[in-house]
Amino acid sequence: MMDSVGEKGSRLLDETAQLCDLLRMAHGTAHRMQQDLHGDIYDKTSEVVTQLHDLRVVCNNLFDEVAKEVGEMESGEYEIRSDAASDRQ
């Protein structure tokens, strides 16, 4: 059974928001760890903090793109298929 456009769009937005939230929490945790470390481990943690920050930026951009695509789905600009088998029909 196919999900409605609204259900699929809502699920996509929720999943993307969850991913962004997980990255936000990981970034915050790594940043707090960094504050209590020194030397080489501080440097390694600093790299992780930087990488997580960059991933958060990418994820926020992804959220915006997913929201745009969901808007297009809801406006009927393209058909949503539930699986690859429907492409062959």
PDB file of N, CA and C in Angstrom:
ATOM      1  N   MET A   1       0.839  -1.188   0.000  1.00  0.00           N
ATOM      2  CA  MET A   1       0.000   0.000   0.000  1.00  0.00           C
ATOM      3  C   MET A   1       0.880   1.246   0.000  1.00  0.00           C
ATOM      4  N   MET A   2       0.531   2.176  -0.824  1.00  0.00           N
ATOM      5  CA  MET A   2       1.313   3.417  -0.907  1.00  0.00           C
ATOM      6  C   MET A   2       0.898   4.378   0.199  1.00  0.00           C
ATOM      7  N   ASP A   3       1.895   5.054   0.741  1.00  0.00           N
ATOM      8  CA  ASP A   3       1.614   6.120   1.683  1.00  0.00           C
ATOM      9  C   ASP A   3       1.048   7.294   0.918  1.00  0.00           C
ATOM     10  N   SER A   4       0.243   8.082   1.588  1.00  0.00           N
ATOM     11  CA  SER A   4      -0.210   9.316   0.956  1.00  0.00           C
ATOM     12  C   SER A   4       0.971  10.273   0.861  1.00  0.00           C
ATOM     13  N   VAL A   5       0.834  11.252   0.007  1.00  0.00           N
ATOM     14  CA  VAL A   5       1.902  12.240  -0.163  1.00  0.00           C
ATOM     15  C   VAL A   5       2.183  12.931   1.168  1.00  0.00           C
ATOM     16  N   GLY A   6       1.141  13.281   1.877  1.00  0.00           N
ATOM     17  CA  GLY A   6       1.319  13.953   3.161  1.00  0.00           C
ATOM     18  C   GLY A   6       2.035  13.096   4.180  1.00  0.00           C
ATOM     19  N   GLU A   7       1.674  11.788   4.222  1.00  0.00           N
ATOM     20  CA  GLU A   7       2.331  10.874   5.155  1.00  0.00           C
ATOM     21  C   GLU A   7       3.804  10.710   4.820  1.00  0.00           C
ATOM     22  N   LYS A   8       4.088  10.516   3.543  1.00  0.00           N
ATOM     23  CA  LYS A   8       5.479  10.335   3.122  1.00  0.00           C
ATOM     24  C   LYS A   8       6.279  11.614   3.380  1.00  0.00           C
ATOM     25  N   GLY A   9       5.720  12.753   3.050  1.00  0.00           N
ATOM     26  CA  GLY A   9       6.400  14.023   3.272  1.00  0.00           C
ATOM     27  C   GLY A   9       6.662  14.278   4.744  1.00  0.00           C
ATOM     28  N   SER A  10       5.664  13.987   5.570  1.00  0.00           N
ATOM     29  CA  SER A  10       5.816  14.179   7.010  1.00  0.00           C
ATOM     30  C   SER A  10       6.897  13.262   7.564  1.00  0.00           C
ATOM     31  N   ARG A  11       6.904  12.013   7.110  1.00  0.00           N
ATOM     32  CA  ARG A  11       7.916  11.067   7.576  1.00  0.00           C
ATOM     33  C   ARG A  11       9.312  11.513   7.151  1.00  0.00           C
ATOM     34  N   LEU A  12       9.461  11.967   5.909  1.00  0.00           N
ATOM     35  CA  LEU A  12      10.762  12.432   5.424  1.00  0.00           C
ATOM     36  C   LEU A  12      11.271  13.619   6.237  1.00  0.00           C
ATOM     37  N   LEU A  13      10.380  14.564   6.505  1.00  0.00           N
ATOM     38  CA  LEU A  13      10.783  15.728   7.299  1.00  0.00           C
ATOM     39  C   LEU A  13      11.151  15.321   8.725  1.00  0.00           C
ATOM     40  N   ASP A  14      10.365  14.414   9.326  1.00  0.00           N
ATOM     41  CA  ASP A  14      10.668  13.952  10.680  1.00  0.00           C
ATOM     42  C   ASP A  14      12.014  13.242  10.734  1.00  0.00           C
ATOM     43  N   GLU A  15      12.275  12.367   9.756  1.00  0.00           N
ATOM     44  CA  GLU A  15      13.537  11.623   9.747  1.00  0.00           C
ATOM     45  C   GLU A  15      14.727  12.557   9.564  1.00  0.00           C
ATOM     46  N   THR A  16      14.587  13.532   8.695  1.00  0.00           N
ATOM     47  CA  THR A  16      15.675  14.481   8.474  1.00  0.00           C
ATOM     48  C   THR A  16      15.902  15.332   9.722  1.00  0.00           C
ATOM     49  N   ALA A  17      14.818  15.742  10.363  1.00  0.00           N
ATOM     50  CA  ALA A  17      14.938  16.528  11.600  1.00  0.00           C
ATOM     51  C   ALA A  17      15.604  15.698  12.697  1.00  0.00           C
ATOM     52  N   GLN A  18      15.275  14.401  12.772  1.00  0.00           N
ATOM     53  CA  GLN A  18      15.905  13.535  13.768  1.00  0.00           C
ATOM     54  C   GLN A  18      17.405  13.414  13.514  1.00  0.00           C
ATOM     55  N   LEU A  19      17.778  13.266  12.252  1.00  0.00           N
ATOM     56  CA  LEU A  19      19.198  13.186  11.907  1.00  0.00           C
ATOM     57  C   LEU A  19      19.924  14.463  12.313  1.00  0.00           C
ATOM     58  N   CYS A  20      19.343  15.607  11.994  1.00  0.00           N
ATOM     59  CA  CYS A  20      19.952  16.891  12.372  1.00  0.00           C
ATOM     60  C   CYS A  20      20.053  17.012  13.891  1.00  0.00           C
ATOM     61  N   ASP A  21      19.028  16.539  14.609  1.00  0.00           N
ATOM     62  CA  ASP A  21      19.043  16.618  16.067  1.00  0.00           C
ATOM     63  C   ASP A  21      20.121  15.712  16.657  1.00  0.00           C
ATOM     64  N   LEU A  22      20.286  14.513  16.103  1.00  0.00           N
ATOM     65  CA  LEU A  22      21.341  13.621  16.581  1.00  0.00           C
ATOM     66  C   LEU A  22      22.722  14.236  16.373  1.00  0.00           C
ATOM     67  N   LEU A  23      22.924  14.865  15.233  1.00  0.00           N
ATOM     68  CA  LEU A  23      24.205  15.518  14.973  1.00  0.00           C
ATOM     69  C   LEU A  23      24.420  16.699  15.912  1.00  0.00           C
ATOM     70  N   ARG A  24      23.346  17.422  16.229  1.00  0.00           N
ATOM     71  CA  ARG A  24      23.439  18.538  17.170  1.00  0.00           C
ATOM     72  C   ARG A  24      23.863  18.040  18.543  1.00  0.00           C
ATOM     73  N   MET A  25      23.247  16.933  18.984  1.00  0.00           N
ATOM     74  CA  MET A  25      23.597  16.382  20.290  1.00  0.00           C
ATOM     75  C   MET A  25      25.037  15.865  20.310  1.00  0.00           C
ATOM     76  N   ALA A  26      25.443  15.177  19.253  1.00  0.00           N
ATOM     77  CA  ALA A  26      26.819  14.662  19.184  1.00  0.00           C
ATOM     78  C   ALA A  26      27.816  15.808  19.185  1.00  0.00           C
ATOM     79  N   HIS A  27      27.509  16.871  18.451  1.00  0.00           N
ATOM     80  CA  HIS A  27      28.392  18.038  18.396  1.00  0.00           C
ATOM     81  C   HIS A  27      28.512  18.670  19.778  1.00  0.00           C
ATOM     82  N   GLY A  28      27.395  18.826  20.454  1.00  0.00           N
ATOM     83  CA  GLY A  28      27.416  19.406  21.795  1.00  0.00           C
ATOM     84  C   GLY A  28      28.197  18.567  22.780  1.00  0.00           C
ATOM     85  N   THR A  29      28.021  17.245  22.703  1.00  0.00           N
ATOM     86  CA  THR A  29      28.743  16.336  23.588  1.00  0.00           C
ATOM     87  C   THR A  29      30.243  16.413  23.344  1.00  0.00           C
ATOM     88  N   ALA A  30      30.643  16.361  22.085  1.00  0.00           N
ATOM     89  CA  ALA A  30      32.068  16.440  21.745  1.00  0.00           C
ATOM     90  C   ALA A  30      32.657  17.783  22.190  1.00  0.00           C
ATOM     91  N   HIS A  31      31.885  18.845  22.036  1.00  0.00           N
ATOM     92  CA  HIS A  31      32.366  20.171  22.438  1.00  0.00           C
ATOM     93  C   HIS A  31      32.571  20.232  23.956  1.00  0.00           C
ATOM     94  N   ARG A  32      31.643  19.654  24.718  1.00  0.00           N
ATOM     95  CA  ARG A  32      31.796  19.635  26.180  1.00  0.00           C
ATOM     96  C   ARG A  32      33.011  18.805  26.584  1.00  0.00           C
ATOM     97  N   MET A  33      33.222  17.678  25.908  1.00  0.00           N
ATOM     98  CA  MET A  33      34.397  16.855  26.190  1.00  0.00           C
ATOM     99  C   MET A  33      35.675  17.647  25.936  1.00  0.00           C
ATOM    100  N   GLN A  34      35.680  18.366  24.837  1.00  0.00           N
ATOM    101  CA  GLN A  34      36.860  19.130  24.421  1.00  0.00           C
ATOM    102  C   GLN A  34      37.272  20.122  25.509  1.00  0.00           C
ATOM    103  N   GLN A  35      36.307  20.691  26.201  1.00  0.00           N
ATOM    104  CA  GLN A  35      36.599  21.702  27.216  1.00  0.00           C
ATOM    105  C   GLN A  35      37.387  21.144  28.402  1.00  0.00           C
ATOM    106  N   ASP A  36      37.309  19.824  28.614  1.00  0.00           N
ATOM    107  CA  ASP A  36      37.989  19.220  29.763  1.00  0.00           C
ATOM    108  C   ASP A  36      39.242  18.448  29.383  1.00  0.00           C
ATOM    109  N   LEU A  37      39.657  18.523  28.131  1.00  0.00           N
ATOM    110  CA  LEU A  37      40.808  17.747  27.675  1.00  0.00           C
ATOM    111  C   LEU A  37      41.988  18.650  27.329  1.00  0.00           C
ATOM    112  N   HIS A  38      43.159  18.035  27.262  1.00  0.00           N
ATOM    113  CA  HIS A  38      44.379  18.773  26.949  1.00  0.00           C
ATOM    114  C   HIS A  38      45.273  17.918  26.060  1.00  0.00           C
ATOM    115  N   GLY A  39      46.193  18.544  25.369  1.00  0.00           N
ATOM    116  CA  GLY A  39      47.202  17.835  24.584  1.00  0.00           C
ATOM    117  C   GLY A  39      46.650  17.174  23.335  1.00  0.00           C
ATOM    118  N   ASP A  40      47.209  16.005  23.020  1.00  0.00           N
ATOM    119  CA  ASP A  40      46.842  15.305  21.792  1.00  0.00           C
ATOM    120  C   ASP A  40      45.365  14.934  21.746  1.00  0.00           C
ATOM    121  N   ILE A  41      44.812  14.495  22.875  1.00  0.00           N
ATOM    122  CA  ILE A  41      43.405  14.098  22.889  1.00  0.00           C
ATOM    123  C   ILE A  41      42.504  15.311  22.664  1.00  0.00           C
ATOM    124  N   TYR A  42      42.932  16.467  23.138  1.00  0.00           N
ATOM    125  CA  TYR A  42      42.206  17.704  22.855  1.00  0.00           C
ATOM    126  C   TYR A  42      42.187  17.954  21.351  1.00  0.00           C
ATOM    127  N   ASP A  43      43.338  17.778  20.708  1.00  0.00           N
ATOM    128  CA  ASP A  43      43.426  18.004  19.264  1.00  0.00           C
ATOM    129  C   ASP A  43      42.525  17.043  18.490  1.00  0.00           C
ATOM    130  N   LYS A  44      42.514  15.773  18.916  1.00  0.00           N
ATOM    131  CA  LYS A  44      41.651  14.794  18.246  1.00  0.00           C
ATOM    132  C   LYS A  44      40.186  15.140  18.444  1.00  0.00           C
ATOM    133  N   THR A  45      39.831  15.523  19.654  1.00  0.00           N
ATOM    134  CA  THR A  45      38.450  15.900  19.932  1.00  0.00           C
ATOM    135  C   THR A  45      38.070  17.154  19.169  1.00  0.00           C
ATOM    136  N   SER A  46      39.012  18.067  19.035  1.00  0.00           N
ATOM    137  CA  SER A  46      38.771  19.282  18.262  1.00  0.00           C
ATOM    138  C   SER A  46      38.455  18.952  16.808  1.00  0.00           C
ATOM    139  N   GLU A  47      39.147  17.962  16.256  1.00  0.00           N
ATOM    140  CA  GLU A  47      38.861  17.526  14.882  1.00  0.00           C
ATOM    141  C   GLU A  47      37.445  16.966  14.772  1.00  0.00           C
ATOM    142  N   VAL A  48      37.060  16.182  15.771  1.00  0.00           N
ATOM    143  CA  VAL A  48      35.711  15.610  15.777  1.00  0.00           C
ATOM    144  C   VAL A  48      34.671  16.729  15.862  1.00  0.00           C
ATOM    145  N   VAL A  49      34.919  17.700  16.725  1.00  0.00           N
ATOM    146  CA  VAL A  49      33.998  18.832  16.860  1.00  0.00           C
ATOM    147  C   VAL A  49      33.843  19.554  15.521  1.00  0.00           C
ATOM    148  N   THR A  50      34.946  19.795  14.846  1.00  0.00           N
ATOM    149  CA  THR A  50      34.908  20.473  13.550  1.00  0.00           C
ATOM    150  C   THR A  50      34.151  19.649  12.519  1.00  0.00           C
ATOM    151  N   GLN A  51      34.421  18.346  12.481  1.00  0.00           N
ATOM    152  CA  GLN A  51      33.744  17.478  11.520  1.00  0.00           C
ATOM    153  C   GLN A  51      32.246  17.397  11.795  1.00  0.00           C
ATOM    154  N   LEU A  52      31.878  17.304  13.069  1.00  0.00           N
ATOM    155  CA  LEU A  52      30.456  17.271  13.406  1.00  0.00           C
ATOM    156  C   LEU A  52      29.775  18.588  13.058  1.00  0.00           C
ATOM    157  N   HIS A  53      30.466  19.685  13.272  1.00  0.00           N
ATOM    158  CA  HIS A  53      29.909  20.981  12.875  1.00  0.00           C
ATOM    159  C   HIS A  53      29.638  21.004  11.377  1.00  0.00           C
ATOM    160  N   ASP A  54      30.616  20.550  10.603  1.00  0.00           N
ATOM    161  CA  ASP A  54      30.444  20.527   9.143  1.00  0.00           C
ATOM    162  C   ASP A  54      29.282  19.617   8.736  1.00  0.00           C
ATOM    163  N   LEU A  55      29.154  18.470   9.401  1.00  0.00           N
ATOM    164  CA  LEU A  55      28.025  17.573   9.114  1.00  0.00           C
ATOM    165  C   LEU A  55      26.692  18.223   9.468  1.00  0.00           C
ATOM    166  N   ARG A  56      26.676  18.991  10.541  1.00  0.00           N
ATOM    167  CA  ARG A  56      25.436  19.689  10.912  1.00  0.00           C
ATOM    168  C   ARG A  56      25.028  20.682   9.829  1.00  0.00           C
ATOM    169  N   VAL A  57      26.004  21.388   9.277  1.00  0.00           N
ATOM    170  CA  VAL A  57      25.710  22.339   8.193  1.00  0.00           C
ATOM    171  C   VAL A  57      25.131  21.597   6.995  1.00  0.00           C
ATOM    172  N   VAL A  58      25.756  20.478   6.637  1.00  0.00           N
ATOM    173  CA  VAL A  58      25.274  19.670   5.513  1.00  0.00           C
ATOM    174  C   VAL A  58      23.863  19.154   5.802  1.00  0.00           C
ATOM    175  N   CYS A  59      23.642  18.697   7.021  1.00  0.00           N
ATOM    176  CA  CYS A  59      22.329  18.162   7.392  1.00  0.00           C
ATOM    177  C   CYS A  59      21.261  19.250   7.355  1.00  0.00           C
ATOM    178  N   ASN A  60      21.584  20.434   7.817  1.00  0.00           N
ATOM    179  CA  ASN A  60      20.615  21.537   7.758  1.00  0.00           C
ATOM    180  C   ASN A  60      20.272  21.886   6.313  1.00  0.00           C
ATOM    181  N   ASN A  61      21.271  21.838   5.439  1.00  0.00           N
ATOM    182  CA  ASN A  61      21.002  22.061   4.015  1.00  0.00           C
ATOM    183  C   ASN A  61      20.143  20.940   3.446  1.00  0.00           C
ATOM    184  N   LEU A  62      20.428  19.709   3.870  1.00  0.00           N
ATOM    185  CA  LEU A  62      19.623  18.567   3.441  1.00  0.00           C
ATOM    186  C   LEU A  62      18.180  18.740   3.878  1.00  0.00           C
ATOM    187  N   PHE A  63      17.979  19.198   5.109  1.00  0.00           N
ATOM    188  CA  PHE A  63      16.612  19.424   5.594  1.00  0.00           C
ATOM    189  C   PHE A  63      15.880  20.412   4.690  1.00  0.00           C
ATOM    190  N   ASP A  64      16.557  21.495   4.331  1.00  0.00           N
ATOM    191  CA  ASP A  64      15.942  22.490   3.452  1.00  0.00           C
ATOM    192  C   ASP A  64      15.584  21.882   2.089  1.00  0.00           C
ATOM    193  N   GLU A  65      16.479  21.040   1.567  1.00  0.00           N
ATOM    194  CA  GLU A  65      16.217  20.397   0.270  1.00  0.00           C
ATOM    195  C   GLU A  65      15.077  19.397   0.366  1.00  0.00           C
ATOM    196  N   VAL A  66      15.019  18.642   1.474  1.00  0.00           N
ATOM    197  CA  VAL A  66      13.922  17.696   1.668  1.00  0.00           C
ATOM    198  C   VAL A  66      12.609  18.464   1.788  1.00  0.00           C
ATOM    199  N   ALA A  67      12.616  19.557   2.536  1.00  0.00           N
ATOM    200  CA  ALA A  67      11.398  20.360   2.677  1.00  0.00           C
ATOM    201  C   ALA A  67      10.929  20.880   1.318  1.00  0.00           C
ATOM    202  N   LYS A  68      11.860  21.283   0.482  1.00  0.00           N
ATOM    203  CA  LYS A  68      11.513  21.751  -0.853  1.00  0.00           C
ATOM    204  C   LYS A  68      10.905  20.608  -1.670  1.00  0.00           C
ATOM    205  N   GLU A  69      11.533  19.431  -1.603  1.00  0.00           N
ATOM    206  CA  GLU A  69      11.022  18.289  -2.353  1.00  0.00           C
ATOM    207  C   GLU A  69       9.647  17.869  -1.852  1.00  0.00           C
ATOM    208  N   VAL A  70       9.454  17.905  -0.535  1.00  0.00           N
ATOM    209  CA  VAL A  70       8.146  17.578   0.019  1.00  0.00           C
ATOM    210  C   VAL A  70       7.101  18.571  -0.492  1.00  0.00           C
ATOM    211  N   GLY A  71       7.470  19.830  -0.559  1.00  0.00           N
ATOM    212  CA  GLY A  71       6.557  20.831  -1.116  1.00  0.00           C
ATOM    213  C   GLY A  71       6.194  20.521  -2.552  1.00  0.00           C
ATOM    214  N   GLU A  72       7.175  20.082  -3.333  1.00  0.00           N
ATOM    215  CA  GLU A  72       6.913  19.707  -4.721  1.00  0.00           C
ATOM    216  C   GLU A  72       6.014  18.473  -4.789  1.00  0.00           C
ATOM    217  N   MET A  73       6.235  17.518  -3.882  1.00  0.00           N
ATOM    218  CA  MET A  73       5.394  16.322  -3.849  1.00  0.00           C
ATOM    219  C   MET A  73       3.955  16.716  -3.550  1.00  0.00           C
ATOM    220  N   GLU A  74       3.785  17.599  -2.597  1.00  0.00           N
ATOM    221  CA  GLU A  74       2.439  17.990  -2.190  1.00  0.00           C
ATOM    222  C   GLU A  74       1.736  18.842  -3.238  1.00  0.00           C
ATOM    223  N   SER A  75       2.512  19.534  -4.053  1.00  0.00           N
ATOM    224  CA  SER A  75       1.892  20.338  -5.105  1.00  0.00           C
ATOM    225  C   SER A  75       1.588  19.495  -6.337  1.00  0.00           C
ATOM    226  N   GLY A  76       2.013  18.222  -6.303  1.00  0.00           N
ATOM    227  CA  GLY A  76       1.714  17.317  -7.401  1.00  0.00           C
ATOM    228  C   GLY A  76       2.643  17.456  -8.585  1.00  0.00           C
ATOM    229  N   GLU A  77       3.846  18.003  -8.370  1.00  0.00           N
ATOM    230  CA  GLU A  77       4.779  18.201  -9.482  1.00  0.00           C
ATOM    231  C   GLU A  77       5.389  16.902  -9.956  1.00  0.00           C
ATOM    232  N   TYR A  78       5.346  15.838  -9.136  1.00  0.00           N
ATOM    233  CA  TYR A  78       5.785  14.537  -9.614  1.00  0.00           C
ATOM    234  C   TYR A  78       5.118  13.446  -8.806  1.00  0.00           C
ATOM    235  N   GLU A  79       5.090  12.247  -9.398  1.00  0.00           N
ATOM    236  CA  GLU A  79       4.418  11.108  -8.793  1.00  0.00           C
ATOM    237  C   GLU A  79       5.364  10.389  -7.844  1.00  0.00           C
ATOM    238  N   ILE A  80       4.843   9.963  -6.711  1.00  0.00           N
ATOM    239  CA  ILE A  80       5.619   9.210  -5.734  1.00  0.00           C
ATOM    240  C   ILE A  80       5.337   7.734  -5.948  1.00  0.00           C
ATOM    241  N   ARG A  81       6.386   6.940  -5.989  1.00  0.00           N
ATOM    242  CA  ARG A  81       6.243   5.495  -6.141  1.00  0.00           C
ATOM    243  C   ARG A  81       6.717   4.827  -4.864  1.00  0.00           C
ATOM    244  N   SER A  82       6.033   3.753  -4.473  1.00  0.00           N
ATOM    245  CA  SER A  82       6.378   3.087  -3.215  1.00  0.00           C
ATOM    246  C   SER A  82       7.570   2.162  -3.336  1.00  0.00           C
ATOM    247  N   ASP A  83       7.865   1.640  -4.567  1.00  0.00           N
ATOM    248  CA  ASP A  83       9.020   0.760  -4.721  1.00  0.00           C
ATOM    249  C   ASP A  83       9.445   0.731  -6.174  1.00  0.00           C
ATOM    250  N   ALA A  84      10.577   0.091  -6.436  1.00  0.00           N
ATOM    251  CA  ALA A  84      11.134   0.030  -7.786  1.00  0.00           C
ATOM    252  C   ALA A  84      10.239  -0.763  -8.726  1.00  0.00           C
ATOM    253  N   ALA A  85       9.473  -1.729  -8.225  1.00  0.00           N
ATOM    254  CA  ALA A  85       8.607  -2.542  -9.075  1.00  0.00           C
ATOM    255  C   ALA A  85       7.568  -1.683  -9.771  1.00  0.00           C
ATOM    256  N   SER A  86       7.127  -0.617  -9.155  1.00  0.00           N
ATOM    257  CA  SER A  86       6.115   0.222  -9.783  1.00  0.00           C
ATOM    258  C   SER A  86       6.677   0.947 -10.999  1.00  0.00           C
ATOM    259  N   ASP A  87       8.028   1.062 -11.103  1.00  0.00           N
ATOM    260  CA  ASP A  87       8.639   1.693 -12.269  1.00  0.00           C
ATOM    261  C   ASP A  87       8.481   0.844 -13.523  1.00  0.00           C
ATOM    262  N   ARG A  88       8.319  -0.472 -13.321  1.00  0.00           N
ATOM    263  CA  ARG A  88       8.244  -1.359 -14.473  1.00  0.00           C
ATOM    264  C   ARG A  88       6.838  -1.461 -15.029  1.00  0.00           C
ATOM    265  N   GLN A  89       5.854  -0.952 -14.344  1.00  0.00           N
ATOM    266  CA  GLN A  89       4.474  -1.072 -14.808  1.00  0.00           C
ATOM    267  C   GLN A  89       4.135  -0.013 -15.821  1.00  0.00           C
TER     268      GLN A  89
END
